[in-house]
Amino acid sequence: MTAVSKRLIRGGLTAVAGRSAVALGVVLVNALVARLLSPEDTGLFLIALSIVTVAAVIADFGLGKTLLRVLPDAMLGGETGRAMSHIRRVMILGAASGLLAAGLLISPLGSQLAEALTHGPTLGSMMPLIALWLLVTLAINLLAETCRGFHHIGSAIFFGGALTGLGNILIVGSMLTLAWLTATSVQLGDVLGLFIVSGFVLMVLALIRLRARFRKWGEPATGSLGELFIMAWPFWLTNAALIMMVHAEIWILGFLRTPEEVAAFGLVARLAVLVSFPLLIVNSMLPPLISELHAAGETAKMQRMLRGAAGLTTLMSLVLFLVLLFFGEALSGLLFGSYYTGNWHIMMILAVGWLFHVWAGSGGFVLSMTDNQHTMMRITLAVVTITIVAGIWLTNRYGGMGMAIASTGGLVLQNVLMLLFIHKHIGIKIHAGIAGVQDVWREVTRRLNSLQGGSS
């Protein structure tokens, strides 16, 4: 096995452990927030988190993803100056776009957006805090992608995200747990401030982690800004469309319904997404396998492996789906409180969409690993547009259930379009099938054994 393959496998194993902890941690942090804040303030928190997450992706402008393209290639060729030059440009441009986005949030336009989303002045008065949260989130996102570009996978998982980094979950979760155990009164502003402090601490820790890599920071720049933007914009459009697809439900419900309804929908949605957890784990291991088999032209073997992986994950996801089907109502009340029971039907509609997503397999990775990123971008943009239009219409009529139907429909449509394109243009099927299960098990076992043998 090559050194690159070994590094990818190690990274995949680290990602499995890290993402498992993050998936459970996100649910627990949301449960603590729901226990400590009122339903209205919980809804306002979910809207604030959505604003920060969407604004961070827009302000990033795809710059973070360019680090994953440039840094491995530059370091493999010993071009340290090129790598440091690219990091410097990304950080400077990221700081400028972040300040611009933060300025918009604290402007009258930002306050009007917050008031329109929440039907009240509370969140609008907290826009300076939200703007500061955006800045630290963007900083740790870019630093996390830098870690990922240098193959520090564990560090990337620890540092990255407003509520998707393990570090944030541990720091914020610990403080909220302490407040809950001691019956300390907590306000919305306190929770936002806690995330800001946590983000700042993680930013400092990430800089310390990367200090050895930044020693050649002063080397002259290579390449042009135009080349950087040409590389970044497809990532930006795809990421912006994906994040809007995920967060459209919160924004639409915020515009059309009350913060309490946003809280009820958002919390059960956190449970529904756990159905996709097995696919998230498998996708941590598949990319190097897809890349190697595609490069070798072994499409038949790749199809068997992908269908086998989808079959395994579908079986595991089906178990989680059945848990929500029979115990979801009780679980929701146990985690979030009795106020949030009665939304089982919304949770199950969303869970159906995630189960189909798992059954459909790793379409996004297949498109990315076979040079079809632009197709992925076009599919995503089209589906996001349809989902938003359908979501507005259905939410007006049926509230949270209508939004759940629109979200699930969009997720199903996206996967169907990817399956059709992959079958027609790449010539393989990737949806769940049992035939390739043995191939998956045999290949992963072989690679893990090789990895252990190379380490001994």
Protein backbone atom coordinates (compact mmCIF):
# COMPACT_ATOMS: atom_id res chain seq x y z
CA MET A 1 0.00 0.00 0.00
CA THR A 2 1.32 3.48 -0.87
CA ALA A 3 2.08 6.11 1.78
CA VAL A 4 -0.76 8.22 0.38
CA SER A 5 -3.25 5.38 0.78
CA LYS A 6 -2.09 4.75 4.33
CA ARG A 7 -2.53 8.43 5.17
CA LEU A 8 -5.99 8.45 3.64
CA ILE A 9 -7.04 5.37 5.61
CA ARG A 10 -5.71 6.88 8.84
CA GLY A 11 -7.60 10.06 8.05
CA GLY A 12 -10.73 8.05 7.34
CA LEU A 13 -10.53 6.25 10.68
CA THR A 14 -9.98 9.55 12.48
CA ALA A 15 -12.93 11.04 10.61
CA VAL A 16 -15.15 8.11 11.64
CA ALA A 17 -14.38 8.62 15.32
CA GLY A 18 -14.57 12.41 15.11
CA ARG A 19 -17.80 12.59 13.15
CA SER A 20 -19.42 10.03 15.43
CA ALA A 21 -18.65 12.25 18.41
CA VAL A 22 -19.81 15.38 16.56
CA ALA A 23 -23.13 13.82 15.47
CA LEU A 24 -24.02 12.86 19.04
CA GLY A 25 -22.60 16.08 20.47
CA VAL A 26 -24.75 18.30 18.24
CA VAL A 27 -27.91 16.59 19.48
CA LEU A 28 -26.83 16.91 23.12
CA VAL A 29 -25.91 20.61 22.81
CA ASN A 30 -29.27 21.32 21.20
CA ALA A 31 -30.96 19.39 24.01
CA LEU A 32 -29.16 21.51 26.63
CA VAL A 33 -30.13 24.72 24.84
CA ALA A 34 -33.76 23.57 24.73
CA ARG A 35 -33.66 22.75 28.44
CA LEU A 36 -32.07 26.06 29.47
CA LEU A 37 -33.91 28.51 27.20
CA SER A 38 -37.59 29.13 26.60
CA PRO A 39 -39.12 27.72 23.39
CA GLU A 40 -39.11 31.22 21.88
CA ASP A 41 -35.43 31.82 22.73
CA THR A 42 -34.54 28.32 21.50
CA GLY A 43 -36.11 29.20 18.15
CA LEU A 44 -34.18 32.49 18.12
CA PHE A 45 -30.95 30.59 18.84
CA LEU A 46 -31.56 28.20 15.93
CA ILE A 47 -32.21 31.16 13.62
CA ALA A 48 -29.04 32.93 14.85
CA LEU A 49 -27.03 29.73 14.30
CA SER A 50 -28.48 29.45 10.79
CA ILE A 51 -27.61 33.08 9.98
CA VAL A 52 -24.02 32.55 11.14
CA THR A 53 -23.63 29.27 9.24
CA VAL A 54 -25.03 30.62 5.97
CA ALA A 55 -23.14 33.92 6.23
CA ALA A 56 -19.87 32.07 6.95
CA VAL A 57 -20.24 29.94 3.81
CA ILE A 58 -21.06 33.00 1.68
CA ALA A 59 -18.19 35.04 3.16
CA ASP A 60 -15.80 32.11 2.65
CA PHE A 61 -16.40 32.41 -1.13
CA GLY A 62 -15.10 28.87 -1.63
CA LEU A 63 -11.63 29.93 -0.46
CA GLY A 64 -11.46 27.22 2.19
CA LYS A 65 -12.00 24.45 -0.35
CA THR A 66 -9.17 25.77 -2.53
CA LEU A 67 -6.82 24.97 0.35
CA LEU A 68 -7.71 21.31 -0.09
CA ARG A 69 -6.72 21.49 -3.76
CA VAL A 70 -3.52 23.53 -3.47
CA LEU A 71 -1.86 22.52 -0.18
CA PRO A 72 -1.51 18.73 -0.74
CA ASP A 73 -0.20 19.27 -4.28
CA ALA A 74 2.23 22.00 -3.20
CA MET A 75 3.58 20.09 -0.22
CA LEU A 76 3.95 16.89 -2.27
CA GLY A 77 6.13 18.83 -4.71
CA GLY A 78 8.11 20.51 -1.93
CA GLU A 79 6.69 23.93 -2.91
CA THR A 80 6.43 25.35 0.60
CA GLY A 81 6.48 28.92 -0.67
CA ARG A 82 3.53 28.26 -2.94
CA ALA A 83 1.57 26.71 -0.08
CA MET A 84 2.27 29.60 2.30
CA SER A 85 1.48 32.13 -0.42
CA HIS A 86 -1.89 30.53 -1.00
CA ILE A 87 -2.69 30.40 2.71
CA ARG A 88 -1.76 34.07 3.09
CA ARG A 89 -4.04 35.12 0.24
CA VAL A 90 -6.92 33.01 1.52
CA MET A 91 -6.62 34.41 5.04
CA ILE A 92 -6.41 38.03 3.87
CA LEU A 93 -9.33 37.69 1.47
CA GLY A 94 -11.29 35.75 4.07
CA ALA A 95 -10.72 38.49 6.65
CA ALA A 96 -11.86 41.16 4.18
CA SER A 97 -15.01 39.26 3.14
CA GLY A 98 -15.74 38.39 6.78
CA LEU A 99 -15.56 42.03 7.84
CA LEU A 100 -17.82 42.97 4.94
CA ALA A 101 -20.38 40.31 5.91
CA ALA A 102 -20.19 41.32 9.58
CA GLY A 103 -20.72 44.95 8.57
CA LEU A 104 -23.85 43.97 6.68
CA LEU A 105 -25.17 42.06 9.69
CA ILE A 106 -24.82 45.03 12.05
CA SER A 107 -26.23 47.45 9.47
CA PRO A 108 -29.93 48.36 9.37
CA LEU A 109 -30.29 45.75 6.61
CA GLY A 110 -29.09 43.00 8.98
CA SER A 111 -31.42 44.14 11.75
CA GLN A 112 -34.35 44.18 9.33
CA LEU A 113 -33.49 40.63 8.20
CA ALA A 114 -33.40 39.43 11.82
CA GLU A 115 -36.71 41.10 12.62
CA ALA A 116 -38.33 39.64 9.50
CA LEU A 117 -37.08 36.15 10.44
CA THR A 118 -38.26 36.38 14.06
CA HIS A 119 -41.23 38.79 14.00
CA GLY A 120 -39.71 40.84 16.81
CA PRO A 121 -36.81 43.09 17.82
CA THR A 122 -34.94 40.68 20.13
CA LEU A 123 -32.59 39.08 17.61
CA GLY A 124 -32.12 42.36 15.75
CA SER A 125 -30.70 43.93 18.94
CA MET A 126 -28.20 41.05 19.15
CA MET A 127 -26.80 41.42 15.64
CA PRO A 128 -23.43 42.77 16.92
CA LEU A 129 -23.00 39.50 18.85
CA ILE A 130 -24.04 37.48 15.80
CA ALA A 131 -21.58 39.44 13.62
CA LEU A 132 -18.76 38.67 16.08
CA TRP A 133 -19.82 35.01 16.12
CA LEU A 134 -19.61 35.05 12.31
CA LEU A 135 -16.05 36.40 12.35
CA VAL A 136 -14.69 33.77 14.74
CA THR A 137 -16.60 31.03 12.90
CA LEU A 138 -15.15 32.06 9.54
CA ALA A 139 -11.65 32.21 11.05
CA ILE A 140 -11.81 28.74 12.59
CA ASN A 141 -13.41 27.34 9.40
CA LEU A 142 -10.47 28.57 7.30
CA LEU A 143 -7.94 27.36 9.85
CA ALA A 144 -9.69 23.98 10.00
CA GLU A 145 -9.52 23.66 6.20
CA THR A 146 -5.82 24.57 6.39
CA CYS A 147 -5.35 21.71 8.86
CA ARG A 148 -7.26 19.40 6.50
CA GLY A 149 -5.08 20.52 3.58
CA PHE A 150 -2.00 19.49 5.59
CA HIS A 151 -3.72 16.14 6.38
CA HIS A 152 -4.25 17.03 10.06
CA ILE A 153 -7.71 15.43 9.93
CA GLY A 154 -8.18 15.22 13.69
CA SER A 155 -7.36 18.91 14.10
CA ALA A 156 -9.76 19.85 11.28
CA ILE A 157 -12.61 17.98 12.97
CA PHE A 158 -11.76 19.53 16.35
CA PHE A 159 -11.58 23.14 15.19
CA GLY A 160 -14.13 23.55 12.38
CA GLY A 161 -17.68 24.88 12.39
CA ALA A 162 -20.10 27.03 14.38
CA LEU A 163 -21.63 23.86 15.89
CA THR A 164 -19.94 21.15 13.84
CA GLY A 165 -16.47 21.32 15.39
CA LEU A 166 -15.73 18.90 18.21
CA GLY A 167 -13.93 21.63 20.15
CA ASN A 168 -16.98 23.89 20.15
CA ILE A 169 -19.19 21.01 21.22
CA LEU A 170 -16.90 20.10 24.11
CA ILE A 171 -16.41 23.67 25.39
CA VAL A 172 -19.98 24.87 24.95
CA GLY A 173 -21.49 21.54 25.97
CA SER A 174 -19.45 21.45 29.19
CA MET A 175 -20.47 24.96 30.21
CA LEU A 176 -24.14 24.39 29.38
CA THR A 177 -24.11 21.11 31.29
CA LEU A 178 -22.67 22.90 34.32
CA ALA A 179 -25.37 25.58 34.07
CA TRP A 180 -28.08 22.91 33.83
CA LEU A 181 -26.76 20.89 36.77
CA THR A 182 -26.47 23.98 38.97
CA ALA A 183 -29.86 25.37 37.84
CA THR A 184 -28.15 28.58 36.68
CA SER A 185 -30.36 31.02 34.80
CA VAL A 186 -29.19 31.32 31.19
CA GLN A 187 -30.32 33.88 28.63
CA LEU A 188 -30.02 33.84 24.82
CA GLY A 189 -27.23 36.42 24.92
CA ASP A 190 -25.26 34.20 27.31
CA VAL A 191 -25.41 31.26 24.87
CA LEU A 192 -24.30 33.44 21.94
CA GLY A 193 -21.46 34.87 24.04
CA LEU A 194 -20.37 31.37 25.03
CA PHE A 195 -20.07 30.33 21.38
CA ILE A 196 -18.04 33.49 20.63
CA VAL A 197 -15.59 32.84 23.49
CA SER A 198 -15.31 29.19 22.48
CA GLY A 199 -14.61 30.17 18.87
CA PHE A 200 -11.92 32.62 19.92
CA VAL A 201 -10.21 29.98 22.09
CA LEU A 202 -10.28 27.50 19.21
CA MET A 203 -8.89 30.12 16.83
CA VAL A 204 -5.89 30.65 19.12
CA LEU A 205 -5.38 26.91 19.53
CA ALA A 206 -5.53 26.39 15.75
CA LEU A 207 -2.88 29.07 15.19
CA ILE A 208 -0.67 27.35 17.74
CA ARG A 209 -1.26 24.02 16.04
CA LEU A 210 -0.21 25.47 12.67
CA ARG A 211 2.64 27.69 13.88
CA ALA A 212 5.33 25.38 12.51
CA ARG A 213 3.67 25.46 9.08
CA PHE A 214 3.53 29.27 9.09
CA ARG A 215 7.28 29.83 9.50
CA LYS A 216 7.64 30.61 5.80
CA TRP A 217 4.70 33.05 5.87
CA GLY A 218 6.80 35.83 4.36
CA GLU A 219 7.76 34.08 1.13
CA PRO A 220 6.72 35.92 -2.06
CA ALA A 221 3.30 35.28 -3.58
CA THR A 222 2.89 33.02 -6.58
CA GLY A 223 -0.04 32.86 -8.97
CA SER A 224 -2.68 35.54 -9.47
CA LEU A 225 -5.83 36.53 -7.65
CA GLY A 226 -7.75 35.75 -10.85
CA GLU A 227 -6.58 32.14 -10.75
CA LEU A 228 -7.64 31.90 -7.12
CA PHE A 229 -11.15 33.18 -7.85
CA ILE A 230 -11.51 30.91 -10.90
CA MET A 231 -10.67 27.95 -8.67
CA ALA A 232 -12.91 29.14 -5.82
CA TRP A 233 -16.19 30.12 -7.47
CA PRO A 234 -17.50 26.62 -8.36
CA PHE A 235 -16.87 25.53 -4.76
CA TRP A 236 -18.61 28.67 -3.53
CA LEU A 237 -21.72 28.21 -5.63
CA THR A 238 -22.04 24.53 -4.74
CA ASN A 239 -21.44 25.09 -1.03
CA ALA A 240 -23.78 28.09 -0.92
CA ALA A 241 -26.51 26.10 -2.66
CA LEU A 242 -26.04 23.10 -0.35
CA ILE A 243 -26.08 25.22 2.80
CA MET A 244 -29.18 27.09 1.63
CA MET A 245 -30.87 23.76 0.93
CA VAL A 246 -30.13 22.64 4.50
CA HIS A 247 -31.06 25.93 6.17
CA ALA A 248 -33.92 27.01 3.90
CA GLU A 249 -36.37 25.25 6.21
CA ILE A 250 -35.30 27.37 9.20
CA TRP A 251 -35.44 30.62 7.22
CA ILE A 252 -38.80 29.86 5.60
CA LEU A 253 -40.34 28.85 8.93
CA GLY A 254 -38.82 31.95 10.51
CA PHE A 255 -40.39 34.25 7.92
CA LEU A 256 -43.78 32.55 7.92
CA ARG A 257 -44.18 31.13 11.43
CA THR A 258 -43.23 31.82 15.06
CA PRO A 259 -39.86 31.19 16.77
CA GLU A 260 -41.55 28.49 18.85
CA GLU A 261 -42.45 26.59 15.67
CA VAL A 262 -38.89 27.04 14.41
CA ALA A 263 -37.62 25.48 17.66
CA ALA A 264 -40.02 22.53 17.46
CA PHE A 265 -39.11 21.83 13.81
CA GLY A 266 -35.38 22.42 14.19
CA LEU A 267 -34.95 20.11 17.18
CA VAL A 268 -36.80 17.12 15.72
CA ALA A 269 -34.88 17.69 12.47
CA ARG A 270 -31.67 17.12 14.48
CA LEU A 271 -33.00 13.69 15.43
CA ALA A 272 -34.19 12.83 11.91
CA VAL A 273 -30.77 13.53 10.38
CA LEU A 274 -29.26 10.80 12.60
CA VAL A 275 -30.78 8.30 10.15
CA SER A 276 -28.05 9.34 7.68
CA PHE A 277 -25.30 8.79 10.25
CA PRO A 278 -24.14 5.37 8.87
CA LEU A 279 -23.61 6.90 5.41
CA LEU A 280 -21.58 9.71 6.97
CA ILE A 281 -19.27 7.13 8.53
CA VAL A 282 -18.88 5.08 5.35
CA ASN A 283 -18.24 8.23 3.30
CA SER A 284 -15.24 8.89 5.52
CA MET A 285 -13.62 5.74 4.09
CA LEU A 286 -14.87 5.62 0.49
CA PRO A 287 -13.18 8.57 -1.30
CA PRO A 288 -9.70 7.00 -1.64
CA LEU A 289 -11.27 3.74 -2.81
CA ILE A 290 -13.42 5.51 -5.42
CA SER A 291 -10.44 7.54 -6.62
CA GLU A 292 -8.16 4.51 -7.03
CA LEU A 293 -10.76 2.33 -8.76
CA HIS A 294 -11.80 5.14 -11.12
CA ALA A 295 -8.18 5.85 -12.03
CA ALA A 296 -7.63 2.14 -12.71
CA GLY A 297 -10.78 1.96 -14.86
CA GLU A 298 -12.28 -0.78 -12.70
CA THR A 299 -15.86 0.48 -12.98
CA ALA A 300 -17.46 -2.93 -12.41
CA LYS A 301 -15.61 -3.37 -9.14
CA MET A 302 -16.39 0.22 -8.15
CA GLN A 303 -20.10 -0.39 -8.79
CA ARG A 304 -20.12 -3.54 -6.66
CA MET A 305 -18.31 -1.78 -3.85
CA LEU A 306 -20.51 1.32 -3.91
CA ARG A 307 -23.71 -0.72 -4.03
CA GLY A 308 -22.44 -2.95 -1.24
CA ALA A 309 -21.55 0.08 0.89
CA ALA A 310 -25.00 1.57 0.24
CA GLY A 311 -26.58 -1.76 1.15
CA LEU A 312 -24.72 -1.94 4.47
CA THR A 313 -25.52 1.64 5.41
CA THR A 314 -29.17 1.23 4.41
CA LEU A 315 -29.54 -1.72 6.77
CA MET A 316 -27.98 0.28 9.62
CA SER A 317 -30.04 3.36 8.80
CA LEU A 318 -33.19 1.26 8.70
CA VAL A 319 -32.53 0.27 12.32
CA LEU A 320 -32.22 3.96 13.31
CA PHE A 321 -35.35 4.75 11.30
CA LEU A 322 -37.30 2.06 13.18
CA VAL A 323 -36.04 3.43 16.51
CA LEU A 324 -37.46 6.85 15.60
CA LEU A 325 -40.63 5.24 14.25
CA PHE A 326 -41.43 3.48 17.53
CA PHE A 327 -39.62 5.58 20.13
CA GLY A 328 -39.09 8.95 18.45
CA GLU A 329 -41.85 10.75 20.35
CA ALA A 330 -40.55 9.58 23.73
CA LEU A 331 -36.94 10.33 22.74
CA SER A 332 -37.86 13.86 21.70
CA GLY A 333 -39.55 14.51 25.04
CA LEU A 334 -36.67 12.96 26.98
CA LEU A 335 -34.01 15.06 25.26
CA PHE A 336 -35.73 18.38 24.66
CA GLY A 337 -38.62 18.47 27.13
CA SER A 338 -42.35 17.84 27.04
CA TYR A 339 -43.03 21.05 25.09
CA TYR A 340 -41.39 19.52 22.00
CA THR A 341 -43.47 16.34 21.87
CA GLY A 342 -46.25 16.12 19.30
CA ASN A 343 -43.96 16.63 16.27
CA TRP A 344 -43.37 12.95 15.52
CA HIS A 345 -45.00 13.23 12.09
CA ILE A 346 -42.58 15.99 11.04
CA MET A 347 -39.62 13.97 12.28
CA MET A 348 -40.68 10.86 10.36
CA ILE A 349 -41.29 12.75 7.10
CA LEU A 350 -37.74 14.11 7.35
CA ALA A 351 -36.39 10.69 8.33
CA VAL A 352 -37.91 9.13 5.19
CA GLY A 353 -35.91 11.58 3.09
CA TRP A 354 -32.67 10.77 4.90
CA LEU A 355 -33.33 7.02 4.56
CA PHE A 356 -33.76 7.44 0.79
CA HIS A 357 -30.56 9.52 0.75
CA VAL A 358 -28.68 6.63 2.36
CA TRP A 359 -30.26 4.08 0.00
CA ALA A 360 -29.18 6.18 -3.00
CA GLY A 361 -25.53 5.91 -1.95
CA SER A 362 -22.55 8.23 -2.23
CA GLY A 363 -23.55 10.16 -5.34
CA GLY A 364 -21.88 13.41 -4.30
CA PHE A 365 -18.53 11.71 -3.77
CA VAL A 366 -18.79 9.78 -7.03
CA LEU A 367 -19.39 12.99 -8.98
CA SER A 368 -16.54 14.77 -7.16
CA MET A 369 -14.07 11.93 -7.69
CA THR A 370 -14.88 11.54 -11.39
CA ASP A 371 -14.43 15.20 -12.43
CA ASN A 372 -18.15 15.99 -12.57
CA GLN A 373 -18.17 18.82 -9.98
CA HIS A 374 -19.96 21.21 -12.33
CA THR A 375 -22.79 18.71 -12.80
CA MET A 376 -23.08 18.46 -9.02
CA MET A 377 -23.28 22.26 -8.86
CA ARG A 378 -26.03 22.47 -11.49
CA ILE A 379 -28.09 19.72 -9.87
CA THR A 380 -27.79 21.35 -6.46
CA LEU A 381 -28.74 24.83 -7.70
CA ALA A 382 -31.82 23.48 -9.51
CA VAL A 383 -32.98 21.41 -6.53
CA VAL A 384 -32.44 24.28 -4.06
CA THR A 385 -34.60 26.57 -6.20
CA ILE A 386 -37.40 24.00 -6.40
CA THR A 387 -37.17 23.22 -2.67
CA ILE A 388 -37.39 26.88 -1.64
CA VAL A 389 -40.39 27.59 -3.89
CA ALA A 390 -42.18 24.43 -2.75
CA GLY A 391 -41.24 25.11 0.86
CA ILE A 392 -42.76 28.59 0.86
CA TRP A 393 -45.99 27.36 -0.72
CA LEU A 394 -46.37 24.28 1.50
CA THR A 395 -45.37 26.05 4.72
CA ASN A 396 -47.99 28.72 4.08
CA ARG A 397 -50.60 25.98 3.88
CA TYR A 398 -49.43 23.31 6.31
CA GLY A 399 -46.79 24.84 8.58
CA GLY A 400 -43.90 22.65 9.71
CA MET A 401 -45.33 19.55 8.06
CA GLY A 402 -45.40 21.34 4.72
CA MET A 403 -41.76 22.38 5.13
CA ALA A 404 -40.82 18.80 6.00
CA ILE A 405 -42.53 17.55 2.83
CA ALA A 406 -40.67 20.13 0.72
CA SER A 407 -37.30 19.28 2.32
CA THR A 408 -37.78 15.56 1.86
CA GLY A 409 -38.95 16.04 -1.72
CA GLY A 410 -35.88 18.13 -2.51
CA LEU A 411 -33.52 15.56 -0.99
CA VAL A 412 -35.15 12.73 -2.94
CA LEU A 413 -35.06 14.73 -6.19
CA GLN A 414 -31.38 15.58 -5.76
CA ASN A 415 -30.45 11.94 -5.24
CA VAL A 416 -32.58 10.74 -8.15
CA LEU A 417 -30.92 13.25 -10.50
CA MET A 418 -27.46 12.18 -9.34
CA LEU A 419 -28.31 8.50 -9.79
CA LEU A 420 -29.60 9.11 -13.32
CA PHE A 421 -26.53 11.13 -14.35
CA ILE A 422 -24.08 8.63 -12.86
CA HIS A 423 -25.83 5.70 -14.56
CA LYS A 424 -25.99 7.44 -17.95
CA HIS A 425 -22.57 9.13 -18.10
CA ILE A 426 -20.36 6.99 -15.85
CA GLY A 427 -22.13 3.73 -16.58
CA ILE A 428 -22.59 2.42 -13.05
CA LYS A 429 -25.35 2.02 -10.48
CA ILE A 430 -24.57 3.10 -6.92
CA HIS A 431 -27.83 2.63 -5.00
CA ALA A 432 -28.12 -0.04 -2.32
CA GLY A 433 -27.37 -3.59 -3.34
CA ILE A 434 -26.23 -6.64 -1.38
CA ALA A 435 -23.97 -8.09 -4.08
CA GLY A 436 -21.00 -5.89 -3.23
CA VAL A 437 -21.13 -6.19 0.57
CA GLN A 438 -18.40 -8.86 0.59
CA ASP A 439 -16.24 -6.70 -1.70
CA VAL A 440 -16.52 -3.77 0.72
CA TRP A 441 -15.66 -5.89 3.73
CA ARG A 442 -12.77 -7.64 1.96
CA GLU A 443 -11.25 -4.40 0.62
CA VAL A 444 -11.49 -2.44 3.87
CA THR A 445 -10.11 -5.40 5.85
CA ARG A 446 -7.20 -5.76 3.43
CA ARG A 447 -6.34 -2.09 3.68
CA LEU A 448 -6.59 -2.01 7.46
CA ASN A 449 -4.35 -5.08 7.72
CA SER A 450 -1.84 -3.47 5.35
CA LEU A 451 -1.93 -0.31 7.43
CA GLN A 452 -1.24 -2.24 10.64
CA GLY A 453 1.52 -4.22 8.96
CA GLY A 454 3.17 -1.03 7.71
CA SER A 455 3.08 0.49 11.20
CA SER A 456 4.64 -2.53 12.92
